[in-house]
Amino acid sequence: MRGDRSDRGDRARAMMLLRVLLFTLATAMPAAGNETFETEVDLSGECDWRAYSLCHKNSTIDLRGLAGSLPTQLGRLTSTRNLNLSNSVMSGLTPTEIGLMTELTHLDLTNSFVDDSSLPSEFGSLVKLGVAFFSENFFSSTIPTQFGNLANSISSSGNNWTSLNVHYNYLSGALPTELGKIGTIDGHELRFASLILGENDLEGTIPTELALIGTGGGVSGITTELSLYNNEISGPMPSELGAFNSQHGGTRDAAYFEGFDNMITGTVPTEFGYISASTAHLHLYQNSITGSLPTQLGQLSNAALSVENLQVLLSSNSLCSDIPSEIAALTVGNAPSLP
């Protein structure tokens, strides 16, 4: 929604202030080869996004609500760990110079860039980046394979997590197999791993490697989310997606697979019945899945804590109408949704 004149004026003044700050920093940079220039500039006292304020404090840059093109000098703030540019009205291409901010662990570009743009492969240089939010933009490129390099990051609650969220864009092409490396770093007690790519124009089959998401560390209590809904994904579902269970060590606290509104074919893998999680959501409606439901799906109720925690949605497919007794024995709320 368009803001009033005062609102747009605040955005413009904030962007002008940002440019002045970055010009100052750029002129203060040491010669190449010397120690990186660092700053602890707090322009507003408090990072209040409602006033479109600027803040570079405690290795965090909060620039929410700005308008205009983003200065490339932003990449010079190499000590920054958290960069938030969400809910802005940016023009031009996504600055590849952000890839120079190699200490970044959190990067939020949600709802920021109004121009048609590509996801820079340079972001693959951010080897410490664990949380990347790029949703609700106009990115129309393929997904760079380098995005599989996302590391495990520390959330504000102190838990290890890793997430790539690029839903609601115009991404095209196939799913890179490298994305299966997200959340697979051994030795990290990972608690949350997600790959959210819904509402794009992605095509091709689901790589079997995506079953490995969140299997790093082999700990119990992890939440895993794979969201591919509303794309043009085709072909059968990999049986390996049943790896959302304990075969890699540790049970899942929750497992979410959203593959609805695609062109998925084949049958429901029997391995889906072996998912070991206290919460399990399998949303596969509006596809072209055929055959009978595997009786193994009846085992899902053994792990789920309650009716609300178990959802198997399979309507608008071409499944056989007969429900196996092992599945019919589930409570009504757990019963798979069929045509």
C-alpha atoms as a PDB file:
ATOM      1  CA  MET A   1       0.000   0.000   0.000  1.00  0.00           C
ATOM      2  CA  ARG A   2       1.325   3.445  -0.928  1.00  0.00           C
ATOM      3  CA  GLY A   3       2.317   5.652   1.998  1.00  0.00           C
ATOM      4  CA  ASP A   4       1.494   9.308   2.336  1.00  0.00           C
ATOM      5  CA  ARG A   5       3.862  12.135   1.382  1.00  0.00           C
ATOM      6  CA  SER A   6       5.419  12.169   4.841  1.00  0.00           C
ATOM      7  CA  ASP A   7       6.002   8.419   4.675  1.00  0.00           C
ATOM      8  CA  ARG A   8       7.789   8.628   1.314  1.00  0.00           C
ATOM      9  CA  GLY A   9       9.792  11.606   2.543  1.00  0.00           C
ATOM     10  CA  ASP A  10      11.033   9.631   5.558  1.00  0.00           C
ATOM     11  CA  ARG A  11      12.154   6.817   3.248  1.00  0.00           C
ATOM     12  CA  ALA A  12      13.999   9.201   0.946  1.00  0.00           C
ATOM     13  CA  ARG A  13      15.736  10.980   3.840  1.00  0.00           C
ATOM     14  CA  ALA A  14      16.797   7.628   5.299  1.00  0.00           C
ATOM     15  CA  MET A  15      18.285   6.544   1.964  1.00  0.00           C
ATOM     16  CA  MET A  16      20.135   9.853   1.626  1.00  0.00           C
ATOM     17  CA  LEU A  17      21.532   9.391   5.135  1.00  0.00           C
ATOM     18  CA  LEU A  18      22.640   5.881   4.195  1.00  0.00           C
ATOM     19  CA  ARG A  19      24.481   7.191   1.153  1.00  0.00           C
ATOM     20  CA  VAL A  20      26.269   9.829   3.227  1.00  0.00           C
ATOM     21  CA  LEU A  21      27.287   7.189   5.772  1.00  0.00           C
ATOM     22  CA  LEU A  22      28.604   4.784   3.162  1.00  0.00           C
ATOM     23  CA  PHE A  23      30.476   7.511   1.308  1.00  0.00           C
ATOM     24  CA  THR A  24      32.147   8.444   4.589  1.00  0.00           C
ATOM     25  CA  LEU A  25      33.069   4.831   5.236  1.00  0.00           C
ATOM     26  CA  ALA A  26      34.367   4.357   1.699  1.00  0.00           C
ATOM     27  CA  THR A  27      36.717   7.335   1.962  1.00  0.00           C
ATOM     28  CA  ALA A  28      37.934   6.078   5.340  1.00  0.00           C
ATOM     29  CA  MET A  29      38.803   2.610   4.041  1.00  0.00           C
ATOM     30  CA  PRO A  30      42.514   1.678   4.410  1.00  0.00           C
ATOM     31  CA  ALA A  31      44.646   0.758   1.469  1.00  0.00           C
ATOM     32  CA  ALA A  32      44.270  -2.705   0.008  1.00  0.00           C
ATOM     33  CA  GLY A  33      45.993  -5.339   2.076  1.00  0.00           C
ATOM     34  CA  ASN A  34      45.592  -3.510   5.364  1.00  0.00           C
ATOM     35  CA  GLU A  35      43.233  -4.410   8.166  1.00  0.00           C
ATOM     36  CA  THR A  36      39.531  -4.148   7.296  1.00  0.00           C
ATOM     37  CA  PHE A  37      37.895  -0.948   8.460  1.00  0.00           C
ATOM     38  CA  GLU A  38      35.182  -1.555  11.048  1.00  0.00           C
ATOM     39  CA  THR A  39      32.527   0.777  12.354  1.00  0.00           C
ATOM     40  CA  GLU A  40      30.067   0.818  15.210  1.00  0.00           C
ATOM     41  CA  VAL A  41      27.801   3.615  14.026  1.00  0.00           C
ATOM     42  CA  ASP A  42      24.433   4.021  15.701  1.00  0.00           C
ATOM     43  CA  LEU A  43      22.555   6.656  13.747  1.00  0.00           C
ATOM     44  CA  SER A  44      19.259   6.486  15.546  1.00  0.00           C
ATOM     45  CA  GLY A  45      19.828   5.268  19.091  1.00  0.00           C
ATOM     46  CA  GLU A  46      17.289   2.494  18.606  1.00  0.00           C
ATOM     47  CA  CYS A  47      16.584   0.484  15.445  1.00  0.00           C
ATOM     48  CA  ASP A  48      12.967   1.542  14.979  1.00  0.00           C
ATOM     49  CA  TRP A  49      11.819   0.355  11.559  1.00  0.00           C
ATOM     50  CA  ARG A  50       8.612   2.377  11.782  1.00  0.00           C
ATOM     51  CA  ALA A  51      10.683   5.544  11.429  1.00  0.00           C
ATOM     52  CA  TYR A  52      12.801   4.055   8.610  1.00  0.00           C
ATOM     53  CA  SER A  53      15.847   4.452  10.787  1.00  0.00           C
ATOM     54  CA  LEU A  54      19.351   3.284  10.080  1.00  0.00           C
ATOM     55  CA  CYS A  55      21.352   1.309  12.553  1.00  0.00           C
ATOM     56  CA  HIS A  56      24.762  -0.295  12.471  1.00  0.00           C
ATOM     57  CA  LYS A  57      25.210  -1.544  15.978  1.00  0.00           C
ATOM     58  CA  ASN A  58      26.599  -4.743  17.449  1.00  0.00           C
ATOM     59  CA  SER A  59      27.420  -6.046  13.941  1.00  0.00           C
ATOM     60  CA  THR A  60      23.808  -5.523  12.827  1.00  0.00           C
ATOM     61  CA  ILE A  61      22.631  -3.242  10.019  1.00  0.00           C
ATOM     62  CA  ASP A  62      18.882  -2.619  10.086  1.00  0.00           C
ATOM     63  CA  LEU A  63      17.710  -0.749   6.994  1.00  0.00           C
ATOM     64  CA  ARG A  64      14.071  -1.782   6.808  1.00  0.00           C
ATOM     65  CA  GLY A  65      11.700   0.523   4.956  1.00  0.00           C
ATOM     66  CA  LEU A  66      14.130   2.340   2.658  1.00  0.00           C
ATOM     67  CA  ALA A  67      13.453   3.493  -0.908  1.00  0.00           C
ATOM     68  CA  GLY A  68      15.761   3.921  -3.903  1.00  0.00           C
ATOM     69  CA  SER A  69      18.784   2.065  -5.256  1.00  0.00           C
ATOM     70  CA  LEU A  70      21.102   0.418  -2.780  1.00  0.00           C
ATOM     71  CA  PRO A  71      24.673   1.796  -2.745  1.00  0.00           C
ATOM     72  CA  THR A  72      27.313  -0.746  -3.714  1.00  0.00           C
ATOM     73  CA  GLN A  73      29.549   0.560  -0.907  1.00  0.00           C
ATOM     74  CA  LEU A  74      27.393  -1.448   1.476  1.00  0.00           C
ATOM     75  CA  GLY A  75      29.665  -4.391   0.723  1.00  0.00           C
ATOM     76  CA  ARG A  76      32.492  -2.575   2.508  1.00  0.00           C
ATOM     77  CA  LEU A  77      30.905  -3.182   5.901  1.00  0.00           C
ATOM     78  CA  THR A  78      32.600  -6.550   6.091  1.00  0.00           C
ATOM     79  CA  SER A  79      32.234  -7.029   9.837  1.00  0.00           C
ATOM     80  CA  THR A  80      28.430  -7.060   9.630  1.00  0.00           C
ATOM     81  CA  ARG A  81      26.735 -10.276  10.747  1.00  0.00           C
ATOM     82  CA  ASN A  82      23.063  -9.356  10.344  1.00  0.00           C
ATOM     83  CA  LEU A  83      21.734  -7.343   7.393  1.00  0.00           C
ATOM     84  CA  ASN A  84      18.021  -6.526   7.212  1.00  0.00           C
ATOM     85  CA  LEU A  85      16.677  -4.773   4.109  1.00  0.00           C
ATOM     86  CA  SER A  86      13.138  -6.126   4.307  1.00  0.00           C
ATOM     87  CA  ASN A  87       9.940  -4.259   3.437  1.00  0.00           C
ATOM     88  CA  SER A  88      11.711  -1.634   1.392  1.00  0.00           C
ATOM     89  CA  VAL A  89      11.108  -0.191  -2.072  1.00  0.00           C
ATOM     90  CA  MET A  90      14.421  -0.820  -3.782  1.00  0.00           C
ATOM     91  CA  SER A  91      15.112  -0.248  -7.461  1.00  0.00           C
ATOM     92  CA  GLY A  92      17.798  -1.655  -9.706  1.00  0.00           C
ATOM     93  CA  LEU A  93      19.548  -4.987  -9.473  1.00  0.00           C
ATOM     94  CA  THR A  94      20.425  -6.783  -6.269  1.00  0.00           C
ATOM     95  CA  PRO A  95      23.945  -5.566  -5.373  1.00  0.00           C
ATOM     96  CA  THR A  96      26.436  -8.387  -5.841  1.00  0.00           C
ATOM     97  CA  GLU A  97      28.719  -6.532  -3.418  1.00  0.00           C
ATOM     98  CA  ILE A  98      26.700  -8.004  -0.560  1.00  0.00           C
ATOM     99  CA  GLY A  99      28.682 -11.135  -1.350  1.00  0.00           C
ATOM    100  CA  LEU A 100      31.734  -9.335   0.084  1.00  0.00           C
ATOM    101  CA  MET A 101      30.180  -9.207   3.548  1.00  0.00           C
ATOM    102  CA  THR A 102      31.632 -12.590   4.433  1.00  0.00           C
ATOM    103  CA  GLU A 103      30.788 -12.390   8.140  1.00  0.00           C
ATOM    104  CA  LEU A 104      27.044 -12.361   7.438  1.00  0.00           C
ATOM    105  CA  THR A 105      25.024 -15.042   9.216  1.00  0.00           C
ATOM    106  CA  HIS A 106      21.558 -13.527   8.622  1.00  0.00           C
ATOM    107  CA  LEU A 107      20.406 -11.783   5.419  1.00  0.00           C
ATOM    108  CA  ASP A 108      16.820 -10.595   4.987  1.00  0.00           C
ATOM    109  CA  LEU A 109      15.728  -9.170   1.610  1.00  0.00           C
ATOM    110  CA  THR A 110      12.032  -9.993   2.019  1.00  0.00           C
ATOM    111  CA  ASN A 111       9.743  -7.758  -0.031  1.00  0.00           C
ATOM    112  CA  SER A 112      12.513  -5.356  -1.003  1.00  0.00           C
ATOM    113  CA  PHE A 113      13.357  -5.295  -4.705  1.00  0.00           C
ATOM    114  CA  VAL A 114      10.737  -4.090  -7.147  1.00  0.00           C
ATOM    115  CA  ASP A 115      12.749  -4.609 -10.351  1.00  0.00           C
ATOM    116  CA  ASP A 116      13.227  -7.843 -12.240  1.00  0.00           C
ATOM    117  CA  SER A 117      16.490  -9.251 -10.917  1.00  0.00           C
ATOM    118  CA  SER A 118      18.558 -12.374 -10.498  1.00  0.00           C
ATOM    119  CA  LEU A 119      19.745 -14.020  -7.332  1.00  0.00           C
ATOM    120  CA  PRO A 120      23.477 -13.226  -7.338  1.00  0.00           C
ATOM    121  CA  SER A 121      25.711 -16.291  -7.335  1.00  0.00           C
ATOM    122  CA  GLU A 122      28.158 -14.110  -5.392  1.00  0.00           C
ATOM    123  CA  PHE A 123      26.016 -14.776  -2.335  1.00  0.00           C
ATOM    124  CA  GLY A 124      27.571 -18.235  -2.411  1.00  0.00           C
ATOM    125  CA  SER A 125      30.702 -16.613  -0.984  1.00  0.00           C
ATOM    126  CA  LEU A 126      28.849 -15.984   2.270  1.00  0.00           C
ATOM    127  CA  VAL A 127      30.148 -19.168   3.853  1.00  0.00           C
ATOM    128  CA  LYS A 128      28.832 -18.232   7.309  1.00  0.00           C
ATOM    129  CA  LEU A 129      25.327 -17.381   6.091  1.00  0.00           C
ATOM    130  CA  GLY A 130      22.764 -19.621   7.744  1.00  0.00           C
ATOM    131  CA  VAL A 131      19.505 -17.695   7.362  1.00  0.00           C
ATOM    132  CA  ALA A 132      18.576 -16.174   3.988  1.00  0.00           C
ATOM    133  CA  PHE A 133      15.134 -14.649   3.386  1.00  0.00           C
ATOM    134  CA  PHE A 134      14.525 -13.590  -0.240  1.00  0.00           C
ATOM    135  CA  SER A 135      10.757 -14.080  -0.477  1.00  0.00           C
ATOM    136  CA  GLU A 136       8.127 -11.797  -2.026  1.00  0.00           C
ATOM    137  CA  ASN A 137      10.320 -10.206  -4.677  1.00  0.00           C
ATOM    138  CA  PHE A 138      10.689 -10.322  -8.464  1.00  0.00           C
ATOM    139  CA  PHE A 139      13.669 -12.653  -8.734  1.00  0.00           C
ATOM    140  CA  SER A 140      13.337 -14.434 -12.074  1.00  0.00           C
ATOM    141  CA  SER A 141      16.584 -16.347 -12.415  1.00  0.00           C
ATOM    142  CA  THR A 142      17.465 -19.934 -11.711  1.00  0.00           C
ATOM    143  CA  ILE A 143      18.623 -20.873  -8.216  1.00  0.00           C
ATOM    144  CA  PRO A 144      22.426 -20.583  -7.974  1.00  0.00           C
ATOM    145  CA  THR A 145      24.020 -23.888  -7.009  1.00  0.00           C
ATOM    146  CA  GLN A 146      26.162 -21.950  -4.530  1.00  0.00           C
ATOM    147  CA  PHE A 147      23.125 -21.596  -2.273  1.00  0.00           C
ATOM    148  CA  GLY A 148      23.777 -25.138  -1.133  1.00  0.00           C
ATOM    149  CA  ASN A 149      26.633 -23.700   0.907  1.00  0.00           C
ATOM    150  CA  LEU A 150      24.331 -22.257   3.570  1.00  0.00           C
ATOM    151  CA  ALA A 151      25.831 -22.905   6.969  1.00  0.00           C
ATOM    152  CA  ASN A 152      24.128 -23.577  10.278  1.00  0.00           C
ATOM    153  CA  SER A 153      23.512 -20.311  12.086  1.00  0.00           C
ATOM    154  CA  ILE A 154      22.659 -19.363  15.643  1.00  0.00           C
ATOM    155  CA  SER A 155      19.155 -17.985  16.067  1.00  0.00           C
ATOM    156  CA  SER A 156      18.227 -15.265  18.552  1.00  0.00           C
ATOM    157  CA  SER A 157      17.004 -17.995  20.908  1.00  0.00           C
ATOM    158  CA  GLY A 158      20.407 -19.653  20.858  1.00  0.00           C
ATOM    159  CA  ASN A 159      19.342 -22.641  18.759  1.00  0.00           C
ATOM    160  CA  ASN A 160      21.187 -23.794  15.660  1.00  0.00           C
ATOM    161  CA  TRP A 161      19.124 -23.342  12.528  1.00  0.00           C
ATOM    162  CA  THR A 162      19.484 -22.890   8.804  1.00  0.00           C
ATOM    163  CA  SER A 163      16.903 -21.635   6.338  1.00  0.00           C
ATOM    164  CA  LEU A 164      16.618 -20.583   2.701  1.00  0.00           C
ATOM    165  CA  ASN A 165      13.304 -18.900   1.913  1.00  0.00           C
ATOM    166  CA  VAL A 166      12.735 -17.743  -1.680  1.00  0.00           C
ATOM    167  CA  HIS A 167       8.985 -18.295  -1.988  1.00  0.00           C
ATOM    168  CA  TYR A 168       6.692 -16.041  -4.010  1.00  0.00           C
ATOM    169  CA  ASN A 169       9.100 -15.059  -6.767  1.00  0.00           C
ATOM    170  CA  TYR A 170       9.506 -15.981 -10.442  1.00  0.00           C
ATOM    171  CA  LEU A 171      12.376 -18.449 -10.162  1.00  0.00           C
ATOM    172  CA  SER A 172      12.642 -20.929 -13.009  1.00  0.00           C
ATOM    173  CA  GLY A 173      14.668 -23.969 -13.985  1.00  0.00           C
ATOM    174  CA  ALA A 174      15.436 -27.146 -12.113  1.00  0.00           C
ATOM    175  CA  LEU A 175      16.071 -27.621  -8.417  1.00  0.00           C
ATOM    176  CA  PRO A 176      19.852 -27.782  -7.839  1.00  0.00           C
ATOM    177  CA  THR A 177      20.940 -30.997  -6.167  1.00  0.00           C
ATOM    178  CA  GLU A 178      23.352 -28.902  -4.082  1.00  0.00           C
ATOM    179  CA  LEU A 179      20.415 -27.618  -2.021  1.00  0.00           C
ATOM    180  CA  GLY A 180      20.399 -30.997  -0.305  1.00  0.00           C
ATOM    181  CA  LYS A 181      23.463 -29.877   1.654  1.00  0.00           C
ATOM    182  CA  ILE A 182      21.437 -27.360   3.661  1.00  0.00           C
ATOM    183  CA  GLY A 183      21.607 -28.278   7.327  1.00  0.00           C
ATOM    184  CA  THR A 184      23.937 -31.250   6.859  1.00  0.00           C
ATOM    185  CA  ILE A 185      27.051 -29.948   8.608  1.00  0.00           C
ATOM    186  CA  ASP A 186      28.230 -32.600  11.064  1.00  0.00           C
ATOM    187  CA  GLY A 187      29.048 -31.570  14.593  1.00  0.00           C
ATOM    188  CA  HIS A 188      26.302 -28.955  14.830  1.00  0.00           C
ATOM    189  CA  GLU A 189      23.313 -29.617  17.046  1.00  0.00           C
ATOM    190  CA  LEU A 190      20.872 -28.405  14.408  1.00  0.00           C
ATOM    191  CA  ARG A 191      17.309 -27.730  15.587  1.00  0.00           C
ATOM    192  CA  PHE A 192      15.617 -26.294  12.513  1.00  0.00           C
ATOM    193  CA  ALA A 193      16.286 -26.668   8.781  1.00  0.00           C
ATOM    194  CA  SER A 194      14.045 -25.388   6.018  1.00  0.00           C
ATOM    195  CA  LEU A 195      14.034 -24.954   2.260  1.00  0.00           C
ATOM    196  CA  ILE A 196      11.036 -22.870   1.172  1.00  0.00           C
ATOM    197  CA  LEU A 197      10.609 -22.440  -2.588  1.00  0.00           C
ATOM    198  CA  GLY A 198       6.834 -22.351  -3.008  1.00  0.00           C
ATOM    199  CA  GLU A 199       5.026 -20.114  -5.514  1.00  0.00           C
ATOM    200  CA  ASN A 200       7.648 -19.929  -8.239  1.00  0.00           C
ATOM    201  CA  ASP A 201       8.019 -21.381 -11.745  1.00  0.00           C
ATOM    202  CA  LEU A 202      10.452 -24.163 -10.890  1.00  0.00           C
ATOM    203  CA  GLU A 203      10.290 -27.319 -12.975  1.00  0.00           C
ATOM    204  CA  GLY A 204      11.778 -30.772 -13.316  1.00  0.00           C
ATOM    205  CA  THR A 205      11.866 -33.545 -10.755  1.00  0.00           C
ATOM    206  CA  ILE A 206      12.585 -33.471  -7.032  1.00  0.00           C
ATOM    207  CA  PRO A 207      16.265 -34.354  -6.489  1.00  0.00           C
ATOM    208  CA  THR A 208      16.789 -37.266  -4.119  1.00  0.00           C
ATOM    209  CA  GLU A 209      19.459 -35.179  -2.388  1.00  0.00           C
ATOM    210  CA  LEU A 210      16.771 -32.953  -0.854  1.00  0.00           C
ATOM    211  CA  ALA A 211      15.974 -35.820   1.504  1.00  0.00           C
ATOM    212  CA  LEU A 212      19.228 -35.018   3.311  1.00  0.00           C
ATOM    213  CA  ILE A 213      18.136 -31.543   4.434  1.00  0.00           C
ATOM    214  CA  GLY A 214      18.541 -31.200   8.180  1.00  0.00           C
ATOM    215  CA  THR A 215      20.400 -34.454   8.734  1.00  0.00           C
ATOM    216  CA  GLY A 216      23.546 -32.852  10.130  1.00  0.00           C
ATOM    217  CA  GLY A 217      24.666 -33.643  13.643  1.00  0.00           C
ATOM    218  CA  GLY A 218      22.402 -36.639  14.136  1.00  0.00           C
ATOM    219  CA  VAL A 219      20.537 -35.053  17.051  1.00  0.00           C
ATOM    220  CA  SER A 220      16.968 -35.555  18.164  1.00  0.00           C
ATOM    221  CA  GLY A 221      14.294 -32.890  18.244  1.00  0.00           C
ATOM    222  CA  ILE A 222      14.951 -31.275  14.856  1.00  0.00           C
ATOM    223  CA  THR A 223      12.243 -29.623  12.735  1.00  0.00           C
ATOM    224  CA  THR A 224      12.612 -30.118   8.981  1.00  0.00           C
ATOM    225  CA  GLU A 225      10.602 -28.267   6.334  1.00  0.00           C
ATOM    226  CA  LEU A 226      10.655 -28.777   2.561  1.00  0.00           C
ATOM    227  CA  SER A 227       8.192 -26.494   0.751  1.00  0.00           C
ATOM    228  CA  LEU A 228       7.818 -26.771  -3.036  1.00  0.00           C
ATOM    229  CA  TYR A 229       4.119 -25.968  -3.497  1.00  0.00           C
ATOM    230  CA  ASN A 230       2.650 -24.149  -6.500  1.00  0.00           C
ATOM    231  CA  ASN A 231       5.432 -24.751  -9.005  1.00  0.00           C
ATOM    232  CA  GLU A 232       5.717 -26.953 -12.098  1.00  0.00           C
ATOM    233  CA  ILE A 233       7.470 -29.871 -10.411  1.00  0.00           C
ATOM    234  CA  SER A 234       6.884 -33.151 -12.241  1.00  0.00           C
ATOM    235  CA  GLY A 235       7.849 -36.799 -12.039  1.00  0.00           C
ATOM    236  CA  PRO A 236       7.538 -39.180  -9.087  1.00  0.00           C
ATOM    237  CA  MET A 237       8.360 -38.387  -5.480  1.00  0.00           C
ATOM    238  CA  PRO A 238      11.717 -39.831  -4.400  1.00  0.00           C
ATOM    239  CA  SER A 239      11.319 -42.641  -1.899  1.00  0.00           C
ATOM    240  CA  GLU A 240      14.330 -41.127  -0.150  1.00  0.00           C
ATOM    241  CA  LEU A 241      12.066 -38.402   1.246  1.00  0.00           C
ATOM    242  CA  GLY A 242      11.254 -40.971   3.888  1.00  0.00           C
ATOM    243  CA  ALA A 243      14.663 -39.964   5.250  1.00  0.00           C
ATOM    244  CA  PHE A 244      12.747 -37.447   7.337  1.00  0.00           C
ATOM    245  CA  ASN A 245      12.969 -40.204   9.950  1.00  0.00           C
ATOM    246  CA  SER A 246      15.594 -41.526  12.320  1.00  0.00           C
ATOM    247  CA  GLN A 247      17.781 -43.452   9.905  1.00  0.00           C
ATOM    248  CA  HIS A 248      20.338 -40.630  10.009  1.00  0.00           C
ATOM    249  CA  GLY A 249      20.258 -40.517  13.786  1.00  0.00           C
ATOM    250  CA  GLY A 250      17.710 -38.819  16.015  1.00  0.00           C
ATOM    251  CA  THR A 251      13.977 -38.451  15.530  1.00  0.00           C
ATOM    252  CA  ARG A 252      12.266 -35.386  14.120  1.00  0.00           C
ATOM    253  CA  ASP A 253      10.284 -33.088  16.327  1.00  0.00           C
ATOM    254  CA  ALA A 254       8.388 -32.077  13.197  1.00  0.00           C
ATOM    255  CA  ALA A 255       8.536 -32.902   9.484  1.00  0.00           C
ATOM    256  CA  TYR A 256       6.770 -30.759   6.885  1.00  0.00           C
ATOM    257  CA  PHE A 257       6.604 -31.564   3.174  1.00  0.00           C
ATOM    258  CA  GLU A 258       4.477 -29.228   1.057  1.00  0.00           C
ATOM    259  CA  GLY A 259       4.351 -30.384  -2.539  1.00  0.00           C
ATOM    260  CA  PHE A 260       0.788 -29.489  -3.456  1.00  0.00           C
ATOM    261  CA  ASP A 261      -0.304 -27.769  -6.676  1.00  0.00           C
ATOM    262  CA  ASN A 262       2.354 -29.260  -8.943  1.00  0.00           C
ATOM    263  CA  MET A 263       2.450 -31.993 -11.597  1.00  0.00           C
ATOM    264  CA  ILE A 264       3.857 -34.797  -9.440  1.00  0.00           C
ATOM    265  CA  THR A 265       3.136 -38.279 -10.774  1.00  0.00           C
ATOM    266  CA  GLY A 266       3.678 -41.864  -9.616  1.00  0.00           C
ATOM    267  CA  THR A 267       2.537 -43.400  -6.369  1.00  0.00           C
ATOM    268  CA  VAL A 268       2.889 -42.387  -2.734  1.00  0.00           C
ATOM    269  CA  PRO A 269       6.191 -43.903  -1.530  1.00  0.00           C
ATOM    270  CA  THR A 270       5.795 -46.512   1.193  1.00  0.00           C
ATOM    271  CA  GLU A 271       8.722 -44.854   2.986  1.00  0.00           C
ATOM    272  CA  PHE A 272       6.443 -41.958   3.906  1.00  0.00           C
ATOM    273  CA  GLY A 273       4.908 -44.222   6.514  1.00  0.00           C
ATOM    274  CA  TYR A 274       8.219 -44.466   8.341  1.00  0.00           C
ATOM    275  CA  ILE A 275       8.560 -40.772   9.085  1.00  0.00           C
ATOM    276  CA  SER A 276       9.281 -40.564  12.798  1.00  0.00           C
ATOM    277  CA  ALA A 277       8.115 -37.206  14.079  1.00  0.00           C
ATOM    278  CA  SER A 278       5.734 -35.898  16.708  1.00  0.00           C
ATOM    279  CA  THR A 279       4.291 -33.606  14.011  1.00  0.00           C
ATOM    280  CA  ALA A 280       4.014 -34.736  10.378  1.00  0.00           C
ATOM    281  CA  HIS A 281       2.420 -32.771   7.543  1.00  0.00           C
ATOM    282  CA  LEU A 282       2.315 -34.290   4.049  1.00  0.00           C
ATOM    283  CA  HIS A 283       0.486 -31.876   1.735  1.00  0.00           C
ATOM    284  CA  LEU A 284       0.353 -33.393  -1.755  1.00  0.00           C
ATOM    285  CA  TYR A 285      -3.080 -32.441  -3.058  1.00  0.00           C
ATOM    286  CA  GLN A 286      -3.653 -31.100  -6.592  1.00  0.00           C
ATOM    287  CA  ASN A 287      -1.138 -33.309  -8.375  1.00  0.00           C
ATOM    288  CA  SER A 288      -1.339 -36.355 -10.667  1.00  0.00           C
ATOM    289  CA  ILE A 289      -0.509 -39.059  -8.115  1.00  0.00           C
ATOM    290  CA  THR A 290      -1.944 -42.490  -8.935  1.00  0.00           C
ATOM    291  CA  GLY A 291      -2.277 -45.954  -7.428  1.00  0.00           C
ATOM    292  CA  SER A 292      -3.297 -47.123  -3.984  1.00  0.00           C
ATOM    293  CA  LEU A 293      -2.280 -45.661  -0.668  1.00  0.00           C
ATOM    294  CA  PRO A 294       0.484 -47.672   1.007  1.00  0.00           C
ATOM    295  CA  THR A 295      -0.639 -49.392   4.177  1.00  0.00           C
ATOM    296  CA  GLN A 296       2.512 -48.090   5.860  1.00  0.00           C
ATOM    297  CA  LEU A 297       0.891 -44.651   6.161  1.00  0.00           C
ATOM    298  CA  GLY A 298      -1.077 -46.096   9.057  1.00  0.00           C
ATOM    299  CA  GLN A 299       2.123 -46.105  11.088  1.00  0.00           C
ATOM    300  CA  LEU A 300       2.288 -42.318  11.118  1.00  0.00           C
ATOM    301  CA  SER A 301      -0.149 -42.218  14.010  1.00  0.00           C
ATOM    302  CA  ASN A 302       2.340 -44.046  16.207  1.00  0.00           C
ATOM    303  CA  ALA A 303       4.614 -41.012  16.345  1.00  0.00           C
ATOM    304  CA  ALA A 304       2.131 -38.134  16.149  1.00  0.00           C
ATOM    305  CA  LEU A 305       1.178 -36.576  19.464  1.00  0.00           C
ATOM    306  CA  SER A 306      -2.354 -35.620  18.491  1.00  0.00           C
ATOM    307  CA  VAL A 307      -4.843 -35.494  15.652  1.00  0.00           C
ATOM    308  CA  GLU A 308      -3.908 -31.891  14.892  1.00  0.00           C
ATOM    309  CA  ASN A 309      -0.239 -32.818  14.518  1.00  0.00           C
ATOM    310  CA  LEU A 310      -0.820 -35.301  11.691  1.00  0.00           C
ATOM    311  CA  GLN A 311      -1.982 -34.095   8.278  1.00  0.00           C
ATOM    312  CA  VAL A 312      -1.963 -36.197   5.121  1.00  0.00           C
ATOM    313  CA  LEU A 313      -3.692 -34.233   2.348  1.00  0.00           C
ATOM    314  CA  LEU A 314      -4.005 -36.031  -1.003  1.00  0.00           C
ATOM    315  CA  SER A 315      -7.194 -34.713  -2.583  1.00  0.00           C
ATOM    316  CA  SER A 316      -7.426 -33.778  -6.290  1.00  0.00           C
ATOM    317  CA  ASN A 317      -5.203 -36.622  -7.456  1.00  0.00           C
ATOM    318  CA  SER A 318      -5.980 -39.874  -9.304  1.00  0.00           C
ATOM    319  CA  LEU A 319      -5.687 -42.253  -6.359  1.00  0.00           C
ATOM    320  CA  CYS A 320      -7.724 -45.418  -5.931  1.00  0.00           C
ATOM    321  CA  SER A 321     -10.767 -44.665  -3.823  1.00  0.00           C
ATOM    322  CA  ASP A 322     -10.349 -47.669  -1.505  1.00  0.00           C
ATOM    323  CA  ILE A 323      -8.609 -46.772   1.752  1.00  0.00           C
ATOM    324  CA  PRO A 324      -6.598 -49.649   3.319  1.00  0.00           C
ATOM    325  CA  SER A 325      -7.856 -50.765   6.715  1.00  0.00           C
ATOM    326  CA  GLU A 326      -4.536 -49.827   8.314  1.00  0.00           C
ATOM    327  CA  ILE A 327      -5.196 -46.221   7.338  1.00  0.00           C
ATOM    328  CA  ALA A 328      -8.927 -46.294   7.980  1.00  0.00           C
ATOM    329  CA  ALA A 329      -8.125 -47.241  11.576  1.00  0.00           C
ATOM    330  CA  LEU A 330      -6.776 -43.757  12.116  1.00  0.00           C
ATOM    331  CA  THR A 331      -9.083 -41.195  13.662  1.00  0.00           C
ATOM    332  CA  VAL A 332     -11.217 -39.209  11.250  1.00  0.00           C
ATOM    333  CA  GLY A 333      -9.029 -36.153  11.626  1.00  0.00           C
ATOM    334  CA  ASN A 334      -5.959 -38.153  10.610  1.00  0.00           C
ATOM    335  CA  ALA A 335      -7.500 -39.891   7.620  1.00  0.00           C
ATOM    336  CA  PRO A 336      -5.892 -38.846   4.321  1.00  0.00           C
ATOM    337  CA  SER A 337      -7.990 -36.392   2.346  1.00  0.00           C
ATOM    338  CA  LEU A 338      -9.137 -38.063  -0.882  1.00  0.00           C
ATOM    339  CA  PRO A 339     -11.276 -36.971  -3.836  1.00  0.00           C
END
